[in-house]
Amino acid sequence: MKYSELIQFQPIESVVELRQGNKSDKAREHVLTYVISDDMADRLCNLVFPQLQYAKPG
């Protein structure tokens, strides 16, 4: 048995056309197939998430 028979990957698009996101099926596909980069994870953890807390505003 080959790996390709067990696991199937969709190609990763580096650019997503957001105009297609207003269709619920396309928006669901975007969420299910989103791959977060290391840079984006770092930005979320160090910049965005700290701003979302209410006890001590940044």
C-alpha atoms as a PDB file:
ATOM      1  CA  MET A   1       0.000   0.000   0.000  1.00  0.00           C
ATOM      2  CA  LYS A   2       1.297   3.455  -0.887  1.00  0.00           C
ATOM      3  CA  TYR A   3       1.142   6.567   1.309  1.00  0.00           C
ATOM      4  CA  SER A   4      -0.783   8.325  -1.443  1.00  0.00           C
ATOM      5  CA  GLU A   5      -3.538   5.753  -0.996  1.00  0.00           C
ATOM      6  CA  LEU A   6      -3.767   6.496   2.740  1.00  0.00           C
ATOM      7  CA  ILE A   7      -3.287  10.251   2.876  1.00  0.00           C
ATOM      8  CA  GLN A   8      -4.290  12.866   0.358  1.00  0.00           C
ATOM      9  CA  PHE A   9      -3.128  16.446   0.564  1.00  0.00           C
ATOM     10  CA  GLN A  10      -4.550  19.465  -1.165  1.00  0.00           C
ATOM     11  CA  PRO A  11      -1.961  21.814  -2.632  1.00  0.00           C
ATOM     12  CA  ILE A  12      -1.139  24.837  -0.467  1.00  0.00           C
ATOM     13  CA  GLU A  13      -1.976  28.179  -2.027  1.00  0.00           C
ATOM     14  CA  SER A  14       0.173  31.038  -0.846  1.00  0.00           C
ATOM     15  CA  VAL A  15      -2.441  33.592  -1.922  1.00  0.00           C
ATOM     16  CA  VAL A  16      -6.159  33.190  -1.329  1.00  0.00           C
ATOM     17  CA  GLU A  17      -8.677  35.310  -3.157  1.00  0.00           C
ATOM     18  CA  LEU A  18     -10.903  36.624  -0.384  1.00  0.00           C
ATOM     19  CA  ARG A  19     -13.751  37.487  -2.719  1.00  0.00           C
ATOM     20  CA  GLN A  20     -14.538  33.790  -2.780  1.00  0.00           C
ATOM     21  CA  GLY A  21     -14.793  33.772   1.019  1.00  0.00           C
ATOM     22  CA  ASN A  22     -18.312  35.147   1.061  1.00  0.00           C
ATOM     23  CA  LYS A  23     -19.546  31.766  -0.134  1.00  0.00           C
ATOM     24  CA  SER A  24     -20.037  29.601   2.949  1.00  0.00           C
ATOM     25  CA  ASP A  25     -18.669  26.437   1.351  1.00  0.00           C
ATOM     26  CA  LYS A  26     -15.545  28.251   0.155  1.00  0.00           C
ATOM     27  CA  ALA A  27     -15.099  29.962   3.541  1.00  0.00           C
ATOM     28  CA  ARG A  28     -15.372  26.573   5.282  1.00  0.00           C
ATOM     29  CA  GLU A  29     -12.716  25.173   2.939  1.00  0.00           C
ATOM     30  CA  HIS A  30     -10.409  28.103   3.772  1.00  0.00           C
ATOM     31  CA  VAL A  31     -10.735  27.394   7.493  1.00  0.00           C
ATOM     32  CA  LEU A  32     -10.274  23.643   7.151  1.00  0.00           C
ATOM     33  CA  THR A  33      -7.198  23.934   4.948  1.00  0.00           C
ATOM     34  CA  TYR A  34      -5.467  26.907   6.610  1.00  0.00           C
ATOM     35  CA  VAL A  35      -1.825  26.261   7.415  1.00  0.00           C
ATOM     36  CA  ILE A  36      -0.293  28.720   9.836  1.00  0.00           C
ATOM     37  CA  SER A  37       3.293  29.758   9.232  1.00  0.00           C
ATOM     38  CA  ASP A  38       5.851  30.065  12.022  1.00  0.00           C
ATOM     39  CA  ASP A  39       5.954  33.830  11.448  1.00  0.00           C
ATOM     40  CA  MET A  40       2.167  34.157  11.750  1.00  0.00           C
ATOM     41  CA  ALA A  41       2.122  32.016  14.908  1.00  0.00           C
ATOM     42  CA  ASP A  42       4.791  34.254  16.418  1.00  0.00           C
ATOM     43  CA  ARG A  43       2.854  37.409  15.538  1.00  0.00           C
ATOM     44  CA  LEU A  44      -0.370  36.027  16.992  1.00  0.00           C
ATOM     45  CA  CYS A  45       1.269  34.899  20.233  1.00  0.00           C
ATOM     46  CA  ASN A  46       3.405  37.989  20.798  1.00  0.00           C
ATOM     47  CA  LEU A  47       1.328  40.802  19.328  1.00  0.00           C
ATOM     48  CA  VAL A  48      -2.335  39.943  18.869  1.00  0.00           C
ATOM     49  CA  PHE A  49      -3.184  37.696  21.830  1.00  0.00           C
ATOM     50  CA  PRO A  50      -1.691  40.031  24.466  1.00  0.00           C
ATOM     51  CA  GLN A  51      -3.912  42.819  23.123  1.00  0.00           C
ATOM     52  CA  LEU A  52      -7.049  40.688  23.558  1.00  0.00           C
ATOM     53  CA  GLN A  53      -6.854  40.460  27.350  1.00  0.00           C
ATOM     54  CA  TYR A  54      -8.860  42.931  29.432  1.00  0.00           C
ATOM     55  CA  ALA A  55      -7.174  42.860  32.826  1.00  0.00           C
ATOM     56  CA  LYS A  56      -4.107  44.800  31.734  1.00  0.00           C
ATOM     57  CA  PRO A  57      -4.578  46.628  28.402  1.00  0.00           C
ATOM     58  CA  GLY A  58      -1.488  47.026  26.254  1.00  0.00           C
END
